[in-house]
């Protein structure tokens, strides 16, 4: 897909004031159209969820200059994989999960290459450089801890703790009972607490 394809053809309002029906359509319709290769429909998803995805990624990346790259990478992956999405009505949580994986990949890469300058948490000017470095290292450690979790536990944790999903919404997303969600989250939290003990 050529550069700028996400921006083309998907304006919600034309110069004559006509509103594109896609802009008001629900996720299932828009995602289904996008999965069929409709770039205007995909542009609606981009406009609809970019703010949420940026906020979502920022919870892990904390102001990194790579934030926009993560969101762009997530949309590129989404465009390629949309035809494989079983339930277009769940495109929102699916996009959030892709975004979280892209963010975690960035954190792991920064930690692997000992390049913590890529992670830049916001801090007041009075904050000492040593405290900023400690915060960056802690964020990198969290990313690594998340990556070590089994995929389902990691996705449940991200949806709950970063995405703000309710237990019921997570259960619906995965098609499992509430008790299973509680168990997955309990194990994920316990594992993360153990791995992050030095940062408490």
N, C-alpha and C. Protein backbone atom coordinates (compact mmCIF):
# COMPACT_ATOMS: atom_id res chain seq x y z
N UNK A 1 0.85 -1.17 0.00
CA UNK A 1 0.00 0.00 0.00
C UNK A 1 0.89 1.22 0.00
N UNK A 2 0.64 2.15 -0.89
CA UNK A 2 1.52 3.29 -1.04
C UNK A 2 1.41 4.26 0.10
N UNK A 3 2.45 5.13 0.21
CA UNK A 3 2.48 6.13 1.27
C UNK A 3 1.27 7.04 1.14
N UNK A 4 0.65 7.31 2.26
CA UNK A 4 -0.50 8.20 2.27
C UNK A 4 -1.82 7.51 2.00
N UNK A 5 -1.77 6.18 1.79
CA UNK A 5 -3.01 5.47 1.47
C UNK A 5 -4.00 5.53 2.63
N UNK A 6 -3.46 5.56 3.88
CA UNK A 6 -4.33 5.60 5.05
C UNK A 6 -5.09 6.92 5.11
N UNK A 7 -4.55 7.96 4.48
CA UNK A 7 -5.17 9.27 4.58
C UNK A 7 -6.14 9.54 3.43
N UNK A 8 -6.05 8.76 2.38
CA UNK A 8 -6.81 9.09 1.18
C UNK A 8 -8.21 8.53 1.21
N UNK A 9 -9.11 9.27 0.63
CA UNK A 9 -10.45 8.75 0.38
C UNK A 9 -11.32 8.54 1.57
N UNK A 10 -10.82 8.86 2.81
CA UNK A 10 -11.61 8.52 3.98
C UNK A 10 -12.04 9.71 4.78
N UNK A 11 -12.11 10.89 4.19
CA UNK A 11 -12.51 12.08 4.92
C UNK A 11 -13.94 11.93 5.44
N UNK A 12 -14.12 12.26 6.70
CA UNK A 12 -15.45 12.15 7.27
C UNK A 12 -16.40 13.18 6.69
N UNK A 13 -15.88 14.33 6.26
CA UNK A 13 -16.75 15.39 5.77
C UNK A 13 -16.11 15.99 4.52
N UNK A 14 -16.85 16.09 3.44
CA UNK A 14 -16.33 16.66 2.21
C UNK A 14 -16.44 18.18 2.27
N UNK A 15 -15.91 18.86 1.24
CA UNK A 15 -15.95 20.30 1.20
C UNK A 15 -17.38 20.81 1.10
N UNK A 16 -18.31 19.97 0.69
CA UNK A 16 -19.71 20.37 0.57
C UNK A 16 -20.52 19.99 1.81
N UNK A 17 -19.84 19.45 2.81
CA UNK A 17 -20.52 19.14 4.05
C UNK A 17 -21.17 17.77 4.08
N UNK A 18 -20.84 16.90 3.13
CA UNK A 18 -21.42 15.56 3.10
C UNK A 18 -20.61 14.64 4.00
N UNK A 19 -21.26 13.97 4.92
CA UNK A 19 -20.55 13.07 5.84
C UNK A 19 -20.50 11.66 5.26
N UNK A 20 -19.29 11.12 5.22
CA UNK A 20 -19.09 9.77 4.74
C UNK A 20 -19.80 8.80 5.69
N UNK A 21 -20.72 7.99 5.20
CA UNK A 21 -21.45 7.05 6.07
C UNK A 21 -20.51 6.13 6.85
N UNK A 22 -19.33 5.85 6.32
CA UNK A 22 -18.39 4.98 7.01
C UNK A 22 -17.97 5.56 8.35
N UNK A 23 -17.90 6.89 8.42
CA UNK A 23 -17.45 7.52 9.65
C UNK A 23 -18.37 7.23 10.83
N UNK A 24 -19.65 6.99 10.53
CA UNK A 24 -20.62 6.72 11.59
C UNK A 24 -20.93 5.22 11.72
N UNK A 25 -20.36 4.41 10.85
CA UNK A 25 -20.64 2.97 10.88
C UNK A 25 -19.95 2.31 12.07
N UNK A 26 -20.49 1.17 12.52
CA UNK A 26 -19.87 0.50 13.65
C UNK A 26 -18.61 -0.24 13.21
N UNK A 27 -17.85 -0.68 14.19
CA UNK A 27 -16.55 -1.30 13.92
C UNK A 27 -16.66 -2.51 13.00
N UNK A 28 -17.70 -3.31 13.21
CA UNK A 28 -17.82 -4.55 12.43
C UNK A 28 -17.90 -4.24 10.93
N UNK A 29 -18.70 -3.23 10.58
CA UNK A 29 -18.85 -2.87 9.17
C UNK A 29 -17.56 -2.28 8.62
N UNK A 30 -16.98 -1.34 9.37
CA UNK A 30 -15.77 -0.67 8.90
C UNK A 30 -14.62 -1.66 8.76
N UNK A 31 -14.42 -2.50 9.77
CA UNK A 31 -13.32 -3.46 9.72
C UNK A 31 -13.52 -4.48 8.61
N UNK A 32 -14.75 -4.89 8.38
CA UNK A 32 -15.03 -5.84 7.29
C UNK A 32 -14.68 -5.23 5.94
N UNK A 33 -15.05 -3.97 5.76
CA UNK A 33 -14.72 -3.28 4.51
C UNK A 33 -13.20 -3.15 4.36
N UNK A 34 -12.54 -2.79 5.44
CA UNK A 34 -11.09 -2.64 5.40
C UNK A 34 -10.41 -3.97 5.10
N UNK A 35 -10.94 -5.05 5.67
CA UNK A 35 -10.36 -6.38 5.43
C UNK A 35 -10.48 -6.77 3.96
N UNK A 36 -11.46 -6.21 3.27
CA UNK A 36 -11.64 -6.47 1.85
C UNK A 36 -10.78 -5.57 0.98
N UNK A 37 -9.95 -4.73 1.63
CA UNK A 37 -9.03 -3.89 0.88
C UNK A 37 -9.49 -2.45 0.68
N UNK A 38 -10.56 -2.05 1.37
CA UNK A 38 -11.08 -0.70 1.23
C UNK A 38 -10.23 0.26 2.07
N UNK A 39 -9.39 1.07 1.42
CA UNK A 39 -8.49 1.96 2.15
C UNK A 39 -9.25 3.09 2.84
N UNK A 40 -10.39 3.49 2.29
CA UNK A 40 -11.19 4.53 2.94
C UNK A 40 -11.72 4.02 4.28
N UNK A 41 -12.14 2.76 4.31
CA UNK A 41 -12.61 2.17 5.56
C UNK A 41 -11.46 2.05 6.56
N UNK A 42 -10.29 1.67 6.05
CA UNK A 42 -9.15 1.56 6.96
C UNK A 42 -8.77 2.92 7.52
N UNK A 43 -8.90 3.98 6.69
CA UNK A 43 -8.61 5.34 7.16
C UNK A 43 -9.55 5.73 8.30
N UNK A 44 -10.78 5.24 8.26
CA UNK A 44 -11.72 5.50 9.36
C UNK A 44 -11.20 4.86 10.65
N UNK A 45 -10.70 3.63 10.55
CA UNK A 45 -10.13 2.97 11.73
C UNK A 45 -8.92 3.74 12.25
N UNK A 46 -8.10 4.22 11.33
CA UNK A 46 -6.92 4.98 11.73
C UNK A 46 -7.33 6.23 12.50
N UNK A 47 -8.29 6.98 11.97
CA UNK A 47 -8.73 8.20 12.65
C UNK A 47 -9.43 7.88 13.97
N UNK A 48 -10.18 6.79 13.97
CA UNK A 48 -10.98 6.43 15.15
C UNK A 48 -10.11 5.98 16.31
N UNK A 49 -9.03 5.25 16.01
CA UNK A 49 -8.28 4.62 17.09
C UNK A 49 -6.85 5.11 17.29
N UNK A 50 -6.36 6.00 16.44
CA UNK A 50 -5.00 6.51 16.66
C UNK A 50 -4.85 7.16 18.05
N UNK A 51 -5.76 8.04 18.48
CA UNK A 51 -5.57 8.65 19.81
C UNK A 51 -5.52 7.61 20.93
N UNK A 52 -6.40 6.62 20.86
CA UNK A 52 -6.42 5.59 21.89
C UNK A 52 -5.15 4.74 21.86
N UNK A 53 -4.70 4.41 20.66
CA UNK A 53 -3.49 3.59 20.53
C UNK A 53 -2.25 4.34 21.01
N UNK A 54 -2.20 5.66 20.74
CA UNK A 54 -1.07 6.46 21.22
C UNK A 54 -1.08 6.50 22.75
N UNK A 55 -2.25 6.70 23.34
CA UNK A 55 -2.35 6.74 24.79
C UNK A 55 -1.99 5.39 25.39
N UNK A 56 -2.42 4.34 24.72
CA UNK A 56 -2.16 2.96 25.14
C UNK A 56 -0.66 2.68 25.16
N UNK A 57 0.02 3.03 24.05
CA UNK A 57 1.46 2.80 23.94
C UNK A 57 2.24 3.67 24.92
N UNK A 58 1.75 4.87 25.16
CA UNK A 58 2.47 5.78 26.06
C UNK A 58 2.56 5.23 27.47
N UNK A 59 1.58 4.39 27.86
CA UNK A 59 1.63 3.81 29.20
C UNK A 59 2.85 2.92 29.39
N UNK A 60 3.32 2.34 28.29
CA UNK A 60 4.53 1.52 28.37
C UNK A 60 5.78 2.31 27.98
N UNK A 61 5.65 3.15 26.96
CA UNK A 61 6.83 3.83 26.42
C UNK A 61 7.11 5.16 27.11
N UNK A 62 6.13 5.73 27.76
CA UNK A 62 6.29 6.92 28.56
C UNK A 62 6.98 8.08 27.83
N UNK A 63 6.42 8.48 26.73
CA UNK A 63 6.90 9.68 26.07
C UNK A 63 8.04 9.48 25.10
N UNK A 64 8.38 8.25 24.81
CA UNK A 64 9.47 8.00 23.88
C UNK A 64 9.21 8.63 22.52
N UNK A 65 10.28 9.02 21.87
CA UNK A 65 10.17 9.58 20.52
C UNK A 65 9.68 8.54 19.53
N UNK A 66 9.71 7.26 19.93
CA UNK A 66 9.28 6.18 19.05
C UNK A 66 7.77 5.93 19.11
N UNK A 67 7.06 6.72 19.88
CA UNK A 67 5.64 6.48 20.08
C UNK A 67 4.87 6.41 18.77
N UNK A 68 5.07 7.42 17.91
CA UNK A 68 4.35 7.43 16.64
C UNK A 68 4.76 6.28 15.74
N UNK A 69 6.05 5.87 15.82
CA UNK A 69 6.51 4.74 15.02
C UNK A 69 5.81 3.46 15.45
N UNK A 70 5.60 3.31 16.76
CA UNK A 70 4.93 2.12 17.27
C UNK A 70 3.50 2.05 16.73
N UNK A 71 2.80 3.19 16.77
CA UNK A 71 1.42 3.21 16.29
C UNK A 71 1.37 2.95 14.79
N UNK A 72 2.30 3.55 14.06
CA UNK A 72 2.34 3.33 12.61
C UNK A 72 2.62 1.86 12.30
N UNK A 73 3.59 1.27 13.01
CA UNK A 73 3.90 -0.15 12.81
C UNK A 73 2.68 -1.02 13.11
N UNK A 74 1.94 -0.64 14.16
CA UNK A 74 0.75 -1.41 14.53
C UNK A 74 -0.28 -1.36 13.41
N UNK A 75 -0.47 -0.20 12.80
CA UNK A 75 -1.44 -0.09 11.72
C UNK A 75 -0.98 -0.84 10.46
N UNK A 76 0.31 -0.83 10.21
CA UNK A 76 0.83 -1.58 9.05
C UNK A 76 0.55 -3.08 9.25
N UNK A 77 0.83 -3.56 10.46
CA UNK A 77 0.55 -4.96 10.77
C UNK A 77 -0.95 -5.25 10.67
N UNK A 78 -1.76 -4.31 11.18
CA UNK A 78 -3.21 -4.49 11.14
C UNK A 78 -3.71 -4.58 9.69
N UNK A 79 -3.20 -3.71 8.84
CA UNK A 79 -3.61 -3.72 7.43
C UNK A 79 -3.29 -5.08 6.79
N UNK A 80 -2.12 -5.62 7.13
CA UNK A 80 -1.70 -6.90 6.54
C UNK A 80 -2.50 -8.07 7.08
N UNK A 81 -2.92 -7.98 8.36
CA UNK A 81 -3.54 -9.13 9.02
C UNK A 81 -5.06 -9.04 9.15
N UNK A 82 -5.64 -7.91 8.77
CA UNK A 82 -7.10 -7.75 8.91
C UNK A 82 -7.90 -8.88 8.27
N UNK A 83 -7.51 -9.37 7.09
CA UNK A 83 -8.29 -10.46 6.49
C UNK A 83 -8.34 -11.71 7.36
N UNK A 84 -7.42 -11.84 8.32
CA UNK A 84 -7.37 -13.02 9.19
C UNK A 84 -8.15 -12.80 10.49
N UNK A 85 -8.66 -11.59 10.72
CA UNK A 85 -9.40 -11.30 11.95
C UNK A 85 -10.74 -12.02 11.92
N UNK A 86 -10.95 -12.94 12.87
CA UNK A 86 -12.16 -13.76 12.89
C UNK A 86 -13.42 -12.95 13.14
N UNK A 87 -13.34 -11.99 14.07
CA UNK A 87 -14.52 -11.21 14.43
C UNK A 87 -14.23 -9.72 14.23
N UNK A 88 -14.62 -9.13 13.11
CA UNK A 88 -14.35 -7.71 12.86
C UNK A 88 -14.93 -6.80 13.93
N UNK A 89 -15.93 -7.25 14.65
CA UNK A 89 -16.52 -6.45 15.70
C UNK A 89 -15.58 -6.23 16.88
N UNK A 90 -14.52 -7.04 16.96
CA UNK A 90 -13.55 -6.91 18.05
C UNK A 90 -12.27 -6.23 17.59
N UNK A 91 -12.37 -5.43 16.53
CA UNK A 91 -11.17 -4.80 15.97
C UNK A 91 -10.51 -3.87 16.97
N UNK A 92 -11.28 -3.23 17.84
CA UNK A 92 -10.69 -2.31 18.82
C UNK A 92 -9.69 -3.02 19.72
N UNK A 93 -10.14 -4.08 20.40
CA UNK A 93 -9.23 -4.79 21.30
C UNK A 93 -8.10 -5.45 20.53
N UNK A 94 -8.37 -5.87 19.30
CA UNK A 94 -7.33 -6.47 18.46
C UNK A 94 -6.24 -5.44 18.14
N UNK A 95 -6.63 -4.22 17.83
CA UNK A 95 -5.65 -3.16 17.57
C UNK A 95 -4.86 -2.84 18.83
N UNK A 96 -5.51 -2.85 19.98
CA UNK A 96 -4.81 -2.58 21.23
C UNK A 96 -3.76 -3.64 21.52
N UNK A 97 -4.10 -4.88 21.20
CA UNK A 97 -3.16 -5.98 21.44
C UNK A 97 -1.96 -5.88 20.51
N UNK A 98 -2.19 -5.52 19.26
CA UNK A 98 -1.07 -5.32 18.34
C UNK A 98 -0.18 -4.19 18.83
N UNK A 99 -0.81 -3.10 19.27
CA UNK A 99 -0.05 -1.94 19.76
C UNK A 99 0.81 -2.32 20.96
N UNK A 100 0.24 -3.09 21.88
CA UNK A 100 1.00 -3.48 23.06
C UNK A 100 2.20 -4.35 22.68
N UNK A 101 2.01 -5.24 21.72
CA UNK A 101 3.13 -6.09 21.30
C UNK A 101 4.23 -5.26 20.66
N UNK A 102 3.84 -4.27 19.83
CA UNK A 102 4.83 -3.42 19.19
C UNK A 102 5.60 -2.60 20.23
N UNK A 103 4.89 -2.10 21.24
CA UNK A 103 5.54 -1.32 22.28
C UNK A 103 6.51 -2.18 23.09
N UNK A 104 6.07 -3.37 23.44
CA UNK A 104 6.93 -4.27 24.20
C UNK A 104 8.16 -4.66 23.39
N UNK A 105 7.98 -4.87 22.08
CA UNK A 105 9.12 -5.18 21.22
C UNK A 105 10.15 -4.05 21.26
N UNK A 106 9.67 -2.81 21.24
CA UNK A 106 10.58 -1.66 21.28
C UNK A 106 11.35 -1.61 22.59
N UNK A 107 10.64 -1.87 23.69
CA UNK A 107 11.29 -1.84 25.01
C UNK A 107 12.34 -2.94 25.10
N UNK A 108 12.00 -4.12 24.62
CA UNK A 108 12.96 -5.23 24.66
C UNK A 108 14.18 -4.92 23.82
N UNK A 109 13.96 -4.34 22.64
CA UNK A 109 15.08 -4.00 21.77
C UNK A 109 15.99 -2.98 22.44
N UNK A 110 15.39 -2.00 23.10
CA UNK A 110 16.19 -0.98 23.79
C UNK A 110 17.01 -1.61 24.91
N UNK A 111 16.39 -2.53 25.62
CA UNK A 111 17.10 -3.18 26.74
C UNK A 111 18.19 -4.11 26.22
N UNK A 112 17.88 -4.84 25.17
CA UNK A 112 18.85 -5.78 24.61
C UNK A 112 20.11 -5.07 24.14
N UNK A 113 19.92 -3.89 23.54
CA UNK A 113 21.06 -3.15 23.01
C UNK A 113 21.61 -2.14 24.01
N UNK A 114 21.11 -2.20 25.26
CA UNK A 114 21.56 -1.29 26.30
C UNK A 114 21.45 0.16 25.86
N UNK A 115 20.42 0.44 25.08
CA UNK A 115 20.21 1.79 24.58
C UNK A 115 18.97 2.37 25.24
N UNK A 116 19.10 2.73 26.50
CA UNK A 116 17.96 3.21 27.25
C UNK A 116 17.57 4.63 26.88
N UNK A 117 18.35 5.29 26.03
CA UNK A 117 17.99 6.64 25.61
C UNK A 117 16.74 6.61 24.75
N UNK A 118 16.37 5.43 24.22
CA UNK A 118 15.17 5.32 23.39
C UNK A 118 13.91 5.39 24.23
N UNK A 119 14.04 5.16 25.54
CA UNK A 119 12.90 5.22 26.45
C UNK A 119 13.06 6.48 27.29
N UNK A 120 12.15 7.41 27.15
CA UNK A 120 12.33 8.73 27.74
C UNK A 120 11.12 9.13 28.56
N UNK A 121 11.02 8.63 29.80
CA UNK A 121 9.86 8.98 30.61
C UNK A 121 9.85 10.46 30.95
N UNK A 122 8.68 11.11 30.93
CA UNK A 122 8.62 12.52 31.27
C UNK A 122 8.95 12.73 32.74
N UNK A 123 9.68 13.79 33.04
CA UNK A 123 10.05 14.07 34.41
C UNK A 123 10.28 15.57 34.56
N UNK A 124 10.02 16.12 35.74
CA UNK A 124 10.30 17.53 35.98
C UNK A 124 11.78 17.81 35.83
N UNK A 125 12.11 19.04 35.52
CA UNK A 125 13.51 19.42 35.34
C UNK A 125 14.34 19.15 36.59
N UNK A 126 13.67 19.18 37.75
CA UNK A 126 14.41 19.00 39.00
C UNK A 126 14.81 17.55 39.24
N UNK A 127 14.26 16.64 38.43
CA UNK A 127 14.57 15.22 38.64
C UNK A 127 16.01 14.94 38.25
N UNK A 128 16.72 14.29 39.13
CA UNK A 128 18.13 14.00 38.87
C UNK A 128 18.28 13.01 37.73
N UNK A 129 19.35 13.13 36.93
CA UNK A 129 19.57 12.19 35.84
C UNK A 129 19.60 10.74 36.31
N UNK A 130 20.13 10.51 37.52
CA UNK A 130 20.19 9.13 38.02
C UNK A 130 18.80 8.55 38.22
N UNK A 131 17.84 9.42 38.66
CA UNK A 131 16.48 8.95 38.84
C UNK A 131 15.81 8.68 37.50
N UNK A 132 16.11 9.50 36.49
CA UNK A 132 15.56 9.28 35.16
C UNK A 132 16.08 7.97 34.58
N UNK A 133 17.37 7.70 34.77
CA UNK A 133 17.95 6.46 34.26
C UNK A 133 17.32 5.25 34.96
N UNK A 134 17.07 5.41 36.27
CA UNK A 134 16.44 4.32 37.02
C UNK A 134 15.03 4.06 36.51
N UNK A 135 14.30 5.15 36.23
CA UNK A 135 12.94 5.00 35.72
C UNK A 135 12.95 4.31 34.35
N UNK A 136 13.87 4.72 33.49
CA UNK A 136 13.96 4.09 32.16
C UNK A 136 14.27 2.61 32.27
N UNK A 137 15.20 2.29 33.19
CA UNK A 137 15.56 0.89 33.37
C UNK A 137 14.38 0.09 33.91
N UNK A 138 13.58 0.72 34.79
CA UNK A 138 12.42 0.04 35.33
C UNK A 138 11.39 -0.25 34.26
N UNK A 139 11.18 0.72 33.36
CA UNK A 139 10.23 0.52 32.26
C UNK A 139 10.71 -0.60 31.35
N UNK A 140 12.01 -0.62 31.08
CA UNK A 140 12.56 -1.68 30.24
C UNK A 140 12.39 -3.04 30.92
N UNK A 141 12.58 -3.07 32.26
CA UNK A 141 12.42 -4.33 32.99
C UNK A 141 10.97 -4.79 32.95
N UNK A 142 10.02 -3.85 33.03
CA UNK A 142 8.61 -4.22 32.93
C UNK A 142 8.31 -4.82 31.57
N UNK A 143 8.84 -4.20 30.52
CA UNK A 143 8.63 -4.75 29.18
C UNK A 143 9.17 -6.16 29.06
N UNK A 144 10.34 -6.39 29.66
CA UNK A 144 10.94 -7.72 29.61
C UNK A 144 10.11 -8.71 30.42
N UNK A 145 9.62 -8.27 31.58
CA UNK A 145 8.79 -9.14 32.42
C UNK A 145 7.51 -9.53 31.69
N UNK A 146 6.90 -8.57 31.01
CA UNK A 146 5.69 -8.87 30.24
C UNK A 146 5.98 -9.86 29.13
N UNK A 147 7.11 -9.69 28.48
CA UNK A 147 7.44 -10.57 27.36
C UNK A 147 7.67 -12.00 27.81
N UNK A 148 8.05 -12.19 29.09
CA UNK A 148 8.30 -13.53 29.60
C UNK A 148 7.01 -14.28 29.95
N UNK A 149 5.91 -13.55 30.05
CA UNK A 149 4.64 -14.19 30.39
C UNK A 149 4.12 -15.02 29.21
N UNK A 150 3.37 -16.08 29.48
CA UNK A 150 2.66 -16.76 28.39
C UNK A 150 1.76 -15.75 27.67
N UNK A 151 1.55 -15.95 26.38
CA UNK A 151 0.87 -14.96 25.56
C UNK A 151 -0.50 -14.57 26.11
N UNK A 152 -1.29 -15.55 26.55
CA UNK A 152 -2.64 -15.24 27.03
C UNK A 152 -2.60 -14.43 28.32
N UNK A 153 -1.69 -14.78 29.23
CA UNK A 153 -1.54 -14.00 30.46
C UNK A 153 -1.12 -12.57 30.14
N UNK A 154 -0.17 -12.43 29.23
CA UNK A 154 0.32 -11.09 28.87
C UNK A 154 -0.80 -10.25 28.28
N UNK A 155 -1.57 -10.84 27.37
CA UNK A 155 -2.64 -10.08 26.73
C UNK A 155 -3.73 -9.70 27.73
N UNK A 156 -4.05 -10.60 28.63
CA UNK A 156 -5.03 -10.28 29.68
C UNK A 156 -4.53 -9.13 30.54
N UNK A 157 -3.27 -9.19 30.94
CA UNK A 157 -2.70 -8.15 31.79
C UNK A 157 -2.71 -6.80 31.09
N UNK A 158 -2.32 -6.79 29.83
CA UNK A 158 -2.27 -5.54 29.07
C UNK A 158 -3.67 -4.96 28.91
N UNK A 159 -4.64 -5.80 28.57
CA UNK A 159 -6.01 -5.31 28.40
C UNK A 159 -6.57 -4.74 29.71
N UNK A 160 -6.24 -5.39 30.83
CA UNK A 160 -6.76 -4.95 32.13
C UNK A 160 -6.02 -3.73 32.66
N UNK A 161 -4.69 -3.82 32.74
CA UNK A 161 -3.91 -2.81 33.42
C UNK A 161 -3.61 -1.59 32.55
N UNK A 162 -3.51 -1.78 31.26
CA UNK A 162 -3.21 -0.67 30.36
C UNK A 162 -4.45 -0.23 29.60
N UNK A 163 -5.20 -1.19 29.12
CA UNK A 163 -6.38 -0.85 28.34
C UNK A 163 -7.59 -0.49 29.19
N UNK A 164 -7.57 -0.83 30.48
CA UNK A 164 -8.68 -0.50 31.34
C UNK A 164 -9.92 -1.34 31.11
N UNK A 165 -9.76 -2.52 30.49
CA UNK A 165 -10.90 -3.40 30.23
C UNK A 165 -11.41 -4.00 31.53
N UNK A 166 -12.71 -4.24 31.61
CA UNK A 166 -13.28 -4.93 32.75
C UNK A 166 -13.01 -6.43 32.61
N UNK A 167 -13.20 -7.16 33.71
CA UNK A 167 -13.04 -8.61 33.66
C UNK A 167 -14.02 -9.22 32.66
N UNK A 168 -15.23 -8.67 32.64
CA UNK A 168 -16.25 -9.19 31.74
C UNK A 168 -15.85 -8.97 30.27
N UNK A 169 -15.29 -7.80 29.98
CA UNK A 169 -14.87 -7.51 28.60
C UNK A 169 -13.74 -8.42 28.17
N UNK A 170 -12.83 -8.70 29.09
CA UNK A 170 -11.72 -9.60 28.76
C UNK A 170 -12.24 -11.02 28.53
N UNK A 171 -13.16 -11.45 29.38
CA UNK A 171 -13.75 -12.78 29.22
C UNK A 171 -14.44 -12.89 27.86
N UNK A 172 -15.14 -11.84 27.47
CA UNK A 172 -15.82 -11.84 26.18
C UNK A 172 -14.82 -11.86 25.04
N UNK A 173 -13.74 -11.11 25.20
CA UNK A 173 -12.71 -11.04 24.16
C UNK A 173 -12.09 -12.41 23.89
N UNK A 174 -11.81 -13.16 24.97
CA UNK A 174 -11.15 -14.45 24.82
C UNK A 174 -12.13 -15.62 24.76
N UNK A 175 -13.40 -15.34 25.04
CA UNK A 175 -14.38 -16.41 25.02
C UNK A 175 -14.18 -17.42 26.12
N UNK A 176 -13.81 -16.93 27.31
CA UNK A 176 -13.57 -17.81 28.46
C UNK A 176 -14.39 -17.33 29.65
N UNK A 177 -14.57 -18.19 30.67
CA UNK A 177 -15.31 -17.78 31.87
C UNK A 177 -14.57 -16.71 32.66
N UNK A 178 -15.31 -15.96 33.49
CA UNK A 178 -14.68 -14.95 34.34
C UNK A 178 -13.64 -15.57 35.26
N UNK A 179 -13.90 -16.77 35.74
CA UNK A 179 -12.95 -17.42 36.65
C UNK A 179 -11.60 -17.64 35.97
N UNK A 180 -11.64 -17.93 34.68
CA UNK A 180 -10.40 -18.13 33.94
C UNK A 180 -9.63 -16.82 33.82
N UNK A 181 -10.35 -15.74 33.55
CA UNK A 181 -9.71 -14.42 33.47
C UNK A 181 -9.06 -14.06 34.80
N UNK A 182 -9.79 -14.29 35.89
CA UNK A 182 -9.23 -13.98 37.22
C UNK A 182 -7.96 -14.78 37.48
N UNK A 183 -7.99 -16.05 37.09
CA UNK A 183 -6.82 -16.90 37.29
C UNK A 183 -5.64 -16.44 36.46
N UNK A 184 -5.89 -16.09 35.19
CA UNK A 184 -4.82 -15.62 34.31
C UNK A 184 -4.20 -14.33 34.84
N UNK A 185 -5.04 -13.41 35.29
CA UNK A 185 -4.53 -12.14 35.80
C UNK A 185 -3.78 -12.33 37.11
N UNK A 186 -4.28 -13.20 37.96
CA UNK A 186 -3.59 -13.45 39.23
C UNK A 186 -2.20 -14.00 39.00
N UNK A 187 -2.09 -14.95 38.08
CA UNK A 187 -0.77 -15.53 37.78
C UNK A 187 0.16 -14.50 37.13
N UNK A 188 -0.41 -13.70 36.22
CA UNK A 188 0.40 -12.69 35.55
C UNK A 188 0.92 -11.67 36.55
N UNK A 189 0.05 -11.20 37.44
CA UNK A 189 0.46 -10.20 38.43
C UNK A 189 1.51 -10.76 39.38
N UNK A 190 1.32 -12.01 39.80
CA UNK A 190 2.29 -12.62 40.72
C UNK A 190 3.66 -12.72 40.05
N UNK A 191 3.68 -13.16 38.79
CA UNK A 191 4.94 -13.30 38.07
C UNK A 191 5.61 -11.94 37.89
N UNK A 192 4.83 -10.92 37.52
CA UNK A 192 5.40 -9.59 37.32
C UNK A 192 5.94 -9.02 38.62
N UNK A 193 5.22 -9.22 39.73
CA UNK A 193 5.69 -8.72 41.03
C UNK A 193 7.04 -9.34 41.38
N UNK A 194 7.16 -10.64 41.14
CA UNK A 194 8.41 -11.32 41.45
C UNK A 194 9.55 -10.76 40.58
N UNK A 195 9.27 -10.61 39.29
CA UNK A 195 10.31 -10.14 38.38
C UNK A 195 10.67 -8.68 38.61
N UNK A 196 9.71 -7.90 39.11
CA UNK A 196 9.93 -6.47 39.30
C UNK A 196 10.27 -6.10 40.74
N UNK A 197 10.56 -7.09 41.57
CA UNK A 197 10.77 -6.83 43.00
C UNK A 197 11.84 -5.78 43.25
N UNK A 198 12.90 -5.79 42.46
CA UNK A 198 14.00 -4.84 42.68
C UNK A 198 13.61 -3.40 42.36
N UNK A 199 12.47 -3.24 41.62
CA UNK A 199 12.06 -1.88 41.24
C UNK A 199 10.98 -1.33 42.16
N UNK A 200 10.57 -2.09 43.17
CA UNK A 200 9.51 -1.64 44.07
C UNK A 200 10.00 -0.50 44.95
